[in-house]
All heavy atoms as atom14 arrays in JSON, in Angstrom:
{
  "sequence": "ERLSLPVHHRWVLCLDELEDLHPGQLKEILTVLRA",
  "atom14_mask": [
    [1, 1, 1, 1, 1, 1, 1, 1, 1, 0, 0, 0, 0, 0],
    [1, 1, 1, 1, 1, 1, 1, 1, 1, 1, 1, 0, 0, 0],
    [1, 1, 1, 1, 1, 1, 1, 1, 0, 0, 0, 0, 0, 0],
    [1, 1, 1, 1, 1, 1, 0, 0, 0, 0, 0, 0, 0, 0],
    [1, 1, 1, 1, 1, 1, 1, 1, 0, 0, 0, 0, 0, 0],
    [1, 1, 1, 1, 1, 1, 1, 0, 0, 0, 0, 0, 0, 0],
    [1, 1, 1, 1, 1, 1, 1, 0, 0, 0, 0, 0, 0, 0],
    [1, 1, 1, 1, 1, 1, 1, 1, 1, 1, 0, 0, 0, 0],
    [1, 1, 1, 1, 1, 1, 1, 1, 1, 1, 0, 0, 0, 0],
    [1, 1, 1, 1, 1, 1, 1, 1, 1, 1, 1, 0, 0, 0],
    [1, 1, 1, 1, 1, 1, 1, 1, 1, 1, 1, 1, 1, 1],
    [1, 1, 1, 1, 1, 1, 1, 0, 0, 0, 0, 0, 0, 0],
    [1, 1, 1, 1, 1, 1, 1, 1, 0, 0, 0, 0, 0, 0],
    [1, 1, 1, 1, 1, 1, 0, 0, 0, 0, 0, 0, 0, 0],
    [1, 1, 1, 1, 1, 1, 1, 1, 0, 0, 0, 0, 0, 0],
    [1, 1, 1, 1, 1, 1, 1, 1, 0, 0, 0, 0, 0, 0],
    [1, 1, 1, 1, 1, 1, 1, 1, 1, 0, 0, 0, 0, 0],
    [1, 1, 1, 1, 1, 1, 1, 1, 0, 0, 0, 0, 0, 0],
    [1, 1, 1, 1, 1, 1, 1, 1, 1, 0, 0, 0, 0, 0],
    [1, 1, 1, 1, 1, 1, 1, 1, 0, 0, 0, 0, 0, 0],
    [1, 1, 1, 1, 1, 1, 1, 1, 0, 0, 0, 0, 0, 0],
    [1, 1, 1, 1, 1, 1, 1, 1, 1, 1, 0, 0, 0, 0],
    [1, 1, 1, 1, 1, 1, 1, 0, 0, 0, 0, 0, 0, 0],
    [1, 1, 1, 1, 0, 0, 0, 0, 0, 0, 0, 0, 0, 0],
    [1, 1, 1, 1, 1, 1, 1, 1, 1, 0, 0, 0, 0, 0],
    [1, 1, 1, 1, 1, 1, 1, 1, 0, 0, 0, 0, 0, 0],
    [1, 1, 1, 1, 1, 1, 1, 1, 1, 0, 0, 0, 0, 0],
    [1, 1, 1, 1, 1, 1, 1, 1, 1, 0, 0, 0, 0, 0],
    [1, 1, 1, 1, 1, 1, 1, 1, 0, 0, 0, 0, 0, 0],
    [1, 1, 1, 1, 1, 1, 1, 1, 0, 0, 0, 0, 0, 0],
    [1, 1, 1, 1, 1, 1, 1, 0, 0, 0, 0, 0, 0, 0],
    [1, 1, 1, 1, 1, 1, 1, 0, 0, 0, 0, 0, 0, 0],
    [1, 1, 1, 1, 1, 1, 1, 1, 0, 0, 0, 0, 0, 0],
    [1, 1, 1, 1, 1, 1, 1, 1, 1, 1, 1, 0, 0, 0],
    [1, 1, 1, 1, 1, 0, 0, 0, 0, 0, 0, 0, 0, 0]
  ],
  "atom14_positions": [
    [[-9.56, -5.92, -15.16], [-10.18, -6.71, -16.22], [-11.44, -6.02, -16.76], [-11.64, -5.93, -17.97], [-10.52, -8.11, -15.71], [-11.11, -9.02, -16.78], [-11.35, -10.43, -16.29], [-11.04, -10.72, -15.11], [-11.88, -11.25, -17.08], [0.0, 0.0, 0.0], [0.0, 0.0, 0.0], [0.0, 0.0, 0.0], [0.0, 0.0, 0.0], [0.0, 0.0, 0.0]],
    [[-12.28, -5.52, -15.85], [-13.54, -4.89, -16.27], [-13.3, -3.6, -17.04], [-14.06, -3.25, -17.95], [-14.39, -4.59, -15.04], [-15.18, -5.79, -14.55], [-16.3, -6.12, -15.5], [-16.96, -7.39, -15.16], [-17.84, -7.98, -15.93], [-18.17, -7.46, -17.09], [-18.4, -9.11, -15.57], [0.0, 0.0, 0.0], [0.0, 0.0, 0.0], [0.0, 0.0, 0.0]],
    [[-12.25, -2.85, -16.66], [-11.98, -1.57, -17.31], [-10.99, -1.7, -18.45], [-10.56, -0.7, -19.02], [-11.45, -0.57, -16.28], [-12.37, -0.26, -15.1], [-11.79, 0.87, -14.26], [-13.78, 0.1, -15.56], [0.0, 0.0, 0.0], [0.0, 0.0, 0.0], [0.0, 0.0, 0.0], [0.0, 0.0, 0.0], [0.0, 0.0, 0.0], [0.0, 0.0, 0.0]],
    [[-10.62, -2.94, -18.77], [-9.69, -3.21, -19.87], [-8.34, -2.53, -19.67], [-7.7, -2.06, -20.62], [-10.29, -2.76, -21.22], [-11.48, -3.47, -21.49], [0.0, 0.0, 0.0], [0.0, 0.0, 0.0], [0.0, 0.0, 0.0], [0.0, 0.0, 0.0], [0.0, 0.0, 0.0], [0.0, 0.0, 0.0], [0.0, 0.0, 0.0], [0.0, 0.0, 0.0]],
    [[-7.91, -2.45, -18.42], [-6.58, -1.97, -18.12], [-5.6, -3.13, -18.25], [-6.0, -4.3, -18.14], [-6.53, -1.4, -16.7], [-7.37, -0.15, -16.44], [-7.43, 0.17, -14.96], [-6.82, 1.03, -17.22], [0.0, 0.0, 0.0], [0.0, 0.0, 0.0], [0.0, 0.0, 0.0], [0.0, 0.0, 0.0], [0.0, 0.0, 0.0], [0.0, 0.0, 0.0]],
    [[-4.33, -2.87, -18.48], [-3.36, -3.97, -18.56], [-3.45, -4.85, -17.31], [-3.69, -4.37, -16.21], [-2.01, -3.23, -18.63], [-2.34, -1.91, -19.23], [-3.7, -1.55, -18.7], [0.0, 0.0, 0.0], [0.0, 0.0, 0.0], [0.0, 0.0, 0.0], [0.0, 0.0, 0.0], [0.0, 0.0, 0.0], [0.0, 0.0, 0.0], [0.0, 0.0, 0.0]],
    [[-3.25, -6.13, -17.5], [-3.42, -7.09, -16.41], [-2.59, -6.72, -15.19], [-3.04, -6.81, -14.05], [-3.04, -8.51, -16.89], [-3.1, -9.5, -15.73], [-3.97, -8.95, -18.01], [0.0, 0.0, 0.0], [0.0, 0.0, 0.0], [0.0, 0.0, 0.0], [0.0, 0.0, 0.0], [0.0, 0.0, 0.0], [0.0, 0.0, 0.0], [0.0, 0.0, 0.0]],
    [[-1.36, -6.25, -15.42], [-0.47, -5.94, -14.31], [-0.36, -4.43, -14.09], [0.66, -3.94, -13.6], [0.91, -6.54, -14.56], [0.9, -8.03, -14.67], [0.3, -8.84, -13.72], [1.39, -8.86, -15.62], [0.43, -10.11, -14.09], [1.09, -10.15, -15.23], [0.0, 0.0, 0.0], [0.0, 0.0, 0.0], [0.0, 0.0, 0.0], [0.0, 0.0, 0.0]],
    [[-1.41, -3.7, -14.47], [-1.4, -2.26, -14.22], [-1.27, -1.98, -12.73], [-1.92, -2.6, -11.9], [-2.7, -1.62, -14.74], [-2.83, -0.18, -14.38], [-3.52, 0.25, -13.28], [-2.32, 0.93, -14.96], [-3.46, 1.57, -13.21], [-2.74, 2.0, -14.21], [0.0, 0.0, 0.0], [0.0, 0.0, 0.0], [0.0, 0.0, 0.0], [0.0, 0.0, 0.0]],
    [[-0.42, -1.02, -12.38], [-0.17, -0.71, -10.98], [-0.9, 0.57, -10.58], [-0.68, 1.63, -11.17], [1.33, -0.56, -10.72], [2.11, -1.81, -11.09], [3.57, -1.66, -10.8], [3.81, -1.57, -9.37], [4.99, -1.84, -8.81], [6.0, -2.23, -9.54], [5.15, -1.73, -7.51], [0.0, 0.0, 0.0], [0.0, 0.0, 0.0], [0.0, 0.0, 0.0]],
    [[-1.77, 0.46, -9.6], [-2.45, 1.62, -9.04], [-1.51, 2.29, -8.03], [-0.56, 1.68, -7.55], [-3.75, 1.2, -8.36], [-4.79, 0.73, -9.32], [-4.72, -0.33, -10.18], [-6.08, 1.32, -9.53], [-5.87, -0.45, -10.91], [-6.73, 0.54, -10.54], [-6.75, 2.39, -8.98], [-8.01, 0.84, -10.98], [-8.03, 2.69, -9.42], [-8.65, 1.92, -10.41]],
    [[-1.82, 3.56, -7.71], [-0.98, 4.33, -6.79], [-1.74, 4.5, -5.48], [-2.73, 5.23, -5.42], [-0.63, 5.71, -7.38], [0.28, 6.48, -6.43], [0.04, 5.55, -8.75], [0.0, 0.0, 0.0], [0.0, 0.0, 0.0], [0.0, 0.0, 0.0], [0.0, 0.0, 0.0], [0.0, 0.0, 0.0], [0.0, 0.0, 0.0], [0.0, 0.0, 0.0]],
    [[-1.31, 3.8, -4.44], [-1.95, 3.88, -3.13], [-1.2, 4.88, -2.28], [-0.03, 4.69, -1.96], [-1.96, 2.52, -2.45], [-2.57, 2.49, -1.04], [-4.04, 2.9, -1.08], [-2.41, 1.12, -0.4], [0.0, 0.0, 0.0], [0.0, 0.0, 0.0], [0.0, 0.0, 0.0], [0.0, 0.0, 0.0], [0.0, 0.0, 0.0], [0.0, 0.0, 0.0]],
    [[-1.88, 5.98, -1.91], [-1.25, 7.08, -1.17], [-1.67, 7.01, 0.3], [-2.83, 7.29, 0.64], [-1.68, 8.41, -1.77], [-1.28, 8.57, -3.54], [0.0, 0.0, 0.0], [0.0, 0.0, 0.0], [0.0, 0.0, 0.0], [0.0, 0.0, 0.0], [0.0, 0.0, 0.0], [0.0, 0.0, 0.0], [0.0, 0.0, 0.0], [0.0, 0.0, 0.0]],
    [[-0.74, 6.66, 1.18], [-1.0, 6.54, 2.61], [-0.4, 7.75, 3.32], [0.82, 7.95, 3.32], [-0.38, 5.24, 3.16], [-0.87, 3.94, 2.52], [-0.12, 2.75, 3.11], [-2.37, 3.77, 2.71], [0.0, 0.0, 0.0], [0.0, 0.0, 0.0], [0.0, 0.0, 0.0], [0.0, 0.0, 0.0], [0.0, 0.0, 0.0], [0.0, 0.0, 0.0]],
    [[-1.26, 8.54, 3.94], [-0.83, 9.8, 4.55], [-0.75, 9.68, 6.07], [-1.54, 8.98, 6.69], [-1.84, 10.9, 4.17], [-1.32, 12.29, 4.52], [-0.11, 12.53, 4.4], [-2.15, 13.14, 4.9], [0.0, 0.0, 0.0], [0.0, 0.0, 0.0], [0.0, 0.0, 0.0], [0.0, 0.0, 0.0], [0.0, 0.0, 0.0], [0.0, 0.0, 0.0]],
    [[0.23, 10.37, 6.66], [0.38, 10.48, 8.12], [0.8, 9.17, 8.78], [0.18, 8.7, 9.74], [-0.91, 11.02, 8.77], [-1.25, 12.42, 8.32], [-2.48, 12.97, 9.05], [-3.36, 12.17, 9.4], [-2.54, 14.19, 9.25], [0.0, 0.0, 0.0], [0.0, 0.0, 0.0], [0.0, 0.0, 0.0], [0.0, 0.0, 0.0], [0.0, 0.0, 0.0]],
    [[1.86, 8.61, 8.31], [2.37, 7.36, 8.89], [2.83, 7.55, 10.34], [2.83, 6.61, 11.12], [3.54, 6.85, 8.05], [3.99, 5.41, 8.29], [2.98, 4.45, 7.68], [5.37, 5.16, 7.69], [0.0, 0.0, 0.0], [0.0, 0.0, 0.0], [0.0, 0.0, 0.0], [0.0, 0.0, 0.0], [0.0, 0.0, 0.0], [0.0, 0.0, 0.0]],
    [[3.2, 8.8, 10.7], [3.79, 9.04, 12.02], [2.84, 8.78, 13.18], [3.27, 8.62, 14.33], [4.33, 10.46, 12.12], [3.28, 11.57, 12.08], [2.94, 12.0, 10.67], [3.49, 11.42, 9.71], [2.13, 12.92, 10.52], [0.0, 0.0, 0.0], [0.0, 0.0, 0.0], [0.0, 0.0, 0.0], [0.0, 0.0, 0.0], [0.0, 0.0, 0.0]],
    [[1.53, 8.74, 12.92], [0.56, 8.54, 14.0], [0.35, 7.08, 14.35], [-0.39, 6.77, 15.29], [-0.79, 9.17, 13.62], [-0.75, 10.69, 13.68], [0.07, 11.23, 14.45], [-1.52, 11.33, 12.95], [0.0, 0.0, 0.0], [0.0, 0.0, 0.0], [0.0, 0.0, 0.0], [0.0, 0.0, 0.0], [0.0, 0.0, 0.0], [0.0, 0.0, 0.0]],
    [[0.95, 6.18, 13.61], [0.7, 4.76, 13.84], [1.49, 4.22, 15.03], [2.59, 4.69, 15.33], [1.05, 3.94, 12.59], [0.25, 4.22, 11.33], [0.62, 3.22, 10.26], [-1.24, 4.18, 11.6], [0.0, 0.0, 0.0], [0.0, 0.0, 0.0], [0.0, 0.0, 0.0], [0.0, 0.0, 0.0], [0.0, 0.0, 0.0], [0.0, 0.0, 0.0]],
    [[0.91, 3.21, 15.66], [1.58, 2.47, 16.72], [2.66, 1.6, 16.09], [2.55, 1.19, 14.92], [0.54, 1.6, 17.45], [1.06, 0.86, 18.62], [1.67, -0.37, 18.5], [1.09, 1.16, 19.94], [2.03, -0.8, 19.7], [1.7, 0.12, 20.59], [0.0, 0.0, 0.0], [0.0, 0.0, 0.0], [0.0, 0.0, 0.0], [0.0, 0.0, 0.0]],
    [[3.76, 1.27, 16.81], [4.82, 0.44, 16.23], [4.32, -0.85, 15.6], [4.82, -1.27, 14.54], [5.73, 0.16, 17.43], [5.59, 1.38, 18.28], [4.14, 1.79, 18.14], [0.0, 0.0, 0.0], [0.0, 0.0, 0.0], [0.0, 0.0, 0.0], [0.0, 0.0, 0.0], [0.0, 0.0, 0.0], [0.0, 0.0, 0.0], [0.0, 0.0, 0.0]],
    [[3.34, -1.5, 16.2], [2.81, -2.73, 15.62], [2.11, -2.48, 14.3], [2.23, -3.26, 13.35], [0.0, 0.0, 0.0], [0.0, 0.0, 0.0], [0.0, 0.0, 0.0], [0.0, 0.0, 0.0], [0.0, 0.0, 0.0], [0.0, 0.0, 0.0], [0.0, 0.0, 0.0], [0.0, 0.0, 0.0], [0.0, 0.0, 0.0], [0.0, 0.0, 0.0]],
    [[1.36, -1.37, 14.22], [0.69, -1.0, 12.98], [1.7, -0.62, 11.91], [1.57, -0.97, 10.74], [-0.28, 0.15, 13.24], [-1.38, -0.2, 14.24], [-2.18, 1.02, 14.66], [-1.72, 2.16, 14.53], [-3.37, 0.79, 15.19], [0.0, 0.0, 0.0], [0.0, 0.0, 0.0], [0.0, 0.0, 0.0], [0.0, 0.0, 0.0], [0.0, 0.0, 0.0]],
    [[2.72, 0.11, 12.35], [3.79, 0.52, 11.43], [4.48, -0.71, 10.84], [4.8, -0.75, 9.65], [4.79, 1.38, 12.19], [5.86, 2.11, 11.39], [5.23, 3.07, 10.41], [6.82, 2.84, 12.32], [0.0, 0.0, 0.0], [0.0, 0.0, 0.0], [0.0, 0.0, 0.0], [0.0, 0.0, 0.0], [0.0, 0.0, 0.0], [0.0, 0.0, 0.0]],
    [[4.69, -1.71, 11.68], [5.32, -2.95, 11.22], [4.49, -3.61, 10.12], [5.03, -4.11, 9.13], [5.5, -3.91, 12.39], [6.14, -5.24, 12.03], [6.32, -6.1, 13.27], [6.92, -7.46, 12.92], [7.12, -8.31, 14.12], [0.0, 0.0, 0.0], [0.0, 0.0, 0.0], [0.0, 0.0, 0.0], [0.0, 0.0, 0.0], [0.0, 0.0, 0.0]],
    [[3.16, -3.59, 10.28], [2.29, -4.17, 9.26], [2.43, -3.43, 7.92], [2.54, -4.06, 6.87], [0.83, -4.11, 9.74], [0.49, -5.02, 10.9], [-0.01, -6.38, 10.44], [-0.54, -6.47, 9.32], [0.14, -7.34, 11.2], [0.0, 0.0, 0.0], [0.0, 0.0, 0.0], [0.0, 0.0, 0.0], [0.0, 0.0, 0.0], [0.0, 0.0, 0.0]],
    [[2.42, -2.12, 7.97], [2.54, -1.32, 6.75], [3.88, -1.57, 6.07], [3.96, -1.79, 4.86], [2.39, 0.18, 7.07], [0.97, 0.49, 7.53], [2.76, 1.02, 5.84], [-0.06, 0.49, 6.44], [0.0, 0.0, 0.0], [0.0, 0.0, 0.0], [0.0, 0.0, 0.0], [0.0, 0.0, 0.0], [0.0, 0.0, 0.0], [0.0, 0.0, 0.0]],
    [[4.95, -1.54, 6.84], [6.28, -1.68, 6.26], [6.53, -3.09, 5.75], [7.32, -3.3, 4.82], [7.34, -1.29, 7.3], [7.3, 0.18, 7.7], [8.33, 0.48, 8.78], [7.52, 1.09, 6.5], [0.0, 0.0, 0.0], [0.0, 0.0, 0.0], [0.0, 0.0, 0.0], [0.0, 0.0, 0.0], [0.0, 0.0, 0.0], [0.0, 0.0, 0.0]],
    [[5.85, -4.07, 6.33], [5.97, -5.43, 5.8], [5.37, -5.51, 4.41], [5.93, -6.14, 3.51], [5.27, -6.43, 6.75], [5.91, -6.42, 8.03], [5.33, -7.84, 6.19], [0.0, 0.0, 0.0], [0.0, 0.0, 0.0], [0.0, 0.0, 0.0], [0.0, 0.0, 0.0], [0.0, 0.0, 0.0], [0.0, 0.0, 0.0], [0.0, 0.0, 0.0]],
    [[4.21, -4.85, 4.22], [3.61, -4.8, 2.88], [4.55, -4.07, 1.93], [4.72, -4.46, 0.77], [2.24, -4.1, 2.94], [1.69, -3.87, 1.54], [1.26, -4.92, 3.76], [0.0, 0.0, 0.0], [0.0, 0.0, 0.0], [0.0, 0.0, 0.0], [0.0, 0.0, 0.0], [0.0, 0.0, 0.0], [0.0, 0.0, 0.0], [0.0, 0.0, 0.0]],
    [[5.17, -3.01, 2.42], [6.08, -2.23, 1.6], [7.27, -3.07, 1.14], [7.77, -2.93, 0.02], [6.58, -1.02, 2.39], [7.19, 0.14, 1.6], [6.1, 0.84, 0.82], [7.88, 1.11, 2.54], [0.0, 0.0, 0.0], [0.0, 0.0, 0.0], [0.0, 0.0, 0.0], [0.0, 0.0, 0.0], [0.0, 0.0, 0.0], [0.0, 0.0, 0.0]],
    [[7.73, -3.95, 2.01], [8.87, -4.8, 1.7], [8.51, -5.94, 0.75], [9.37, -6.49, 0.08], [9.43, -5.41, 2.99], [10.1, -4.42, 3.95], [11.41, -3.93, 3.39], [12.23, -5.04, 2.92], [13.03, -5.77, 3.72], [13.09, -5.5, 5.01], [13.74, -6.74, 3.22], [0.0, 0.0, 0.0], [0.0, 0.0, 0.0], [0.0, 0.0, 0.0]],
    [[7.24, -6.3, 0.72], [6.82, -7.44, -0.09], [6.72, -7.04, -1.56], [6.79, -5.87, -1.92], [5.47, -7.96, 0.41], [0.0, 0.0, 0.0], [0.0, 0.0, 0.0], [0.0, 0.0, 0.0], [0.0, 0.0, 0.0], [0.0, 0.0, 0.0], [0.0, 0.0, 0.0], [0.0, 0.0, 0.0], [0.0, 0.0, 0.0], [0.0, 0.0, 0.0]]
  ]
}
């Protein structure tokens, strides 16, 4: 809103090195990915 970007503009979130996560942490990330 402040930068006058489209309301539903999608930013690109780059998460690096997923392989180091614990299974529980991985589950949290992948749940967001599925949503």
